[in-house]
Amino acid sequence: MWHNLAMDSDPVATVRTALTTHQRASKRADETLAALHAAIAEAAAQGVRQNELVKVTGYTRERIRQICRTADTATADQRKTTD
């Protein structure tokens, strides 16, 4: 892992390496979370019940509603800019 890369070298280099690794992982996590939210919103739009989405994701019903509302708002905003 990153901690083995710079064991005998400059400690600041170890920090830089760890920071870079963290930033890449954080970006990837943001991307996968966005994909999850899009999938939830799409499933809800296709008629999947909130109860089922709660069971699958472990989210609360309120969180599912928030995700769907955010997706609806984004879709409406996209329509306004293309009209």
Protein backbone atom coordinates (compact mmCIF):
# COMPACT_ATOMS: atom_id res chain seq x y z
CA MET A 1 0.00 0.00 0.00
CA TRP A 2 0.93 3.68 0.03
CA HIS A 3 2.54 3.44 3.46
CA ASN A 4 5.21 1.05 2.16
CA LEU A 5 6.20 3.29 -0.74
CA ALA A 6 8.11 5.91 1.20
CA MET A 7 9.10 4.24 4.47
CA ASP A 8 12.76 5.20 4.29
CA SER A 9 12.39 8.48 2.45
CA ASP A 10 11.13 11.95 3.24
CA PRO A 11 8.11 11.92 5.59
CA VAL A 12 6.54 14.72 3.56
CA ALA A 13 6.68 12.48 0.50
CA THR A 14 4.74 9.88 2.48
CA VAL A 15 2.12 12.50 3.32
CA ARG A 16 1.89 13.58 -0.33
CA THR A 17 1.48 9.98 -1.45
CA ALA A 18 -1.21 9.34 1.15
CA LEU A 19 -3.01 12.54 0.18
CA THR A 20 -2.99 11.63 -3.50
CA THR A 21 -4.30 8.16 -2.72
CA HIS A 22 -7.04 9.62 -0.53
CA GLN A 23 -8.07 12.18 -3.16
CA ARG A 24 -8.37 9.49 -5.83
CA ALA A 25 -10.44 7.28 -3.53
CA SER A 26 -12.64 10.22 -2.54
CA LYS A 27 -13.30 11.13 -6.16
CA ARG A 28 -14.17 7.52 -6.96
CA ALA A 29 -16.50 7.36 -3.93
CA ASP A 30 -18.29 10.51 -5.12
CA GLU A 31 -18.72 9.00 -8.58
CA THR A 32 -20.09 5.71 -7.27
CA LEU A 33 -22.44 7.50 -4.87
CA ALA A 34 -23.80 9.59 -7.75
CA ALA A 35 -24.34 6.41 -9.77
CA LEU A 36 -26.15 4.80 -6.83
CA HIS A 37 -28.42 7.82 -6.44
CA ALA A 38 -29.17 7.85 -10.16
CA ALA A 39 -30.05 4.15 -10.03
CA ILE A 40 -32.34 4.71 -7.04
CA ALA A 41 -34.12 7.59 -8.77
CA GLU A 42 -34.48 5.59 -11.97
CA ALA A 43 -35.86 2.56 -10.12
CA ALA A 44 -38.38 4.77 -8.32
CA ALA A 45 -39.39 6.38 -11.61
CA GLN A 46 -39.99 2.90 -13.04
CA GLY A 47 -42.34 2.09 -10.17
CA VAL A 48 -40.16 0.29 -7.65
CA ARG A 49 -41.69 0.88 -4.23
CA GLN A 50 -39.86 2.89 -1.61
CA ASN A 51 -40.10 -0.05 0.76
CA GLU A 52 -38.09 -2.19 -1.63
CA LEU A 53 -35.47 0.52 -2.10
CA VAL A 54 -35.20 0.90 1.68
CA LYS A 55 -34.62 -2.84 2.08
CA VAL A 56 -32.00 -2.99 -0.65
CA THR A 57 -30.04 0.13 0.30
CA GLY A 58 -30.51 0.37 4.05
CA TYR A 59 -31.45 4.02 3.61
CA THR A 60 -34.47 5.47 5.37
CA ARG A 61 -37.64 6.23 3.45
CA GLU A 62 -36.94 9.92 3.95
CA ARG A 63 -33.48 9.56 2.39
CA ILE A 64 -34.98 7.74 -0.60
CA ARG A 65 -37.48 10.59 -0.99
CA GLN A 66 -34.68 13.16 -0.82
CA ILE A 67 -32.68 11.36 -3.50
CA CYS A 68 -35.72 11.12 -5.77
CA ARG A 69 -36.64 14.77 -5.18
CA THR A 70 -33.11 15.88 -6.01
CA ALA A 71 -33.20 13.83 -9.23
CA ASP A 72 -36.60 15.30 -10.15
CA THR A 73 -35.28 18.82 -9.59
CA ALA A 74 -32.19 18.15 -11.70
CA THR A 75 -34.33 16.71 -14.50
CA ALA A 76 -36.66 19.72 -14.40
CA ASP A 77 -33.68 22.09 -14.50
CA GLN A 78 -32.28 20.24 -17.53
CA ARG A 79 -35.62 20.57 -19.34
CA LYS A 80 -35.69 24.33 -18.67
CA THR A 81 -32.23 24.83 -20.15
CA THR A 82 -32.99 22.79 -23.27
CA ASP A 83 -36.35 24.50 -23.96
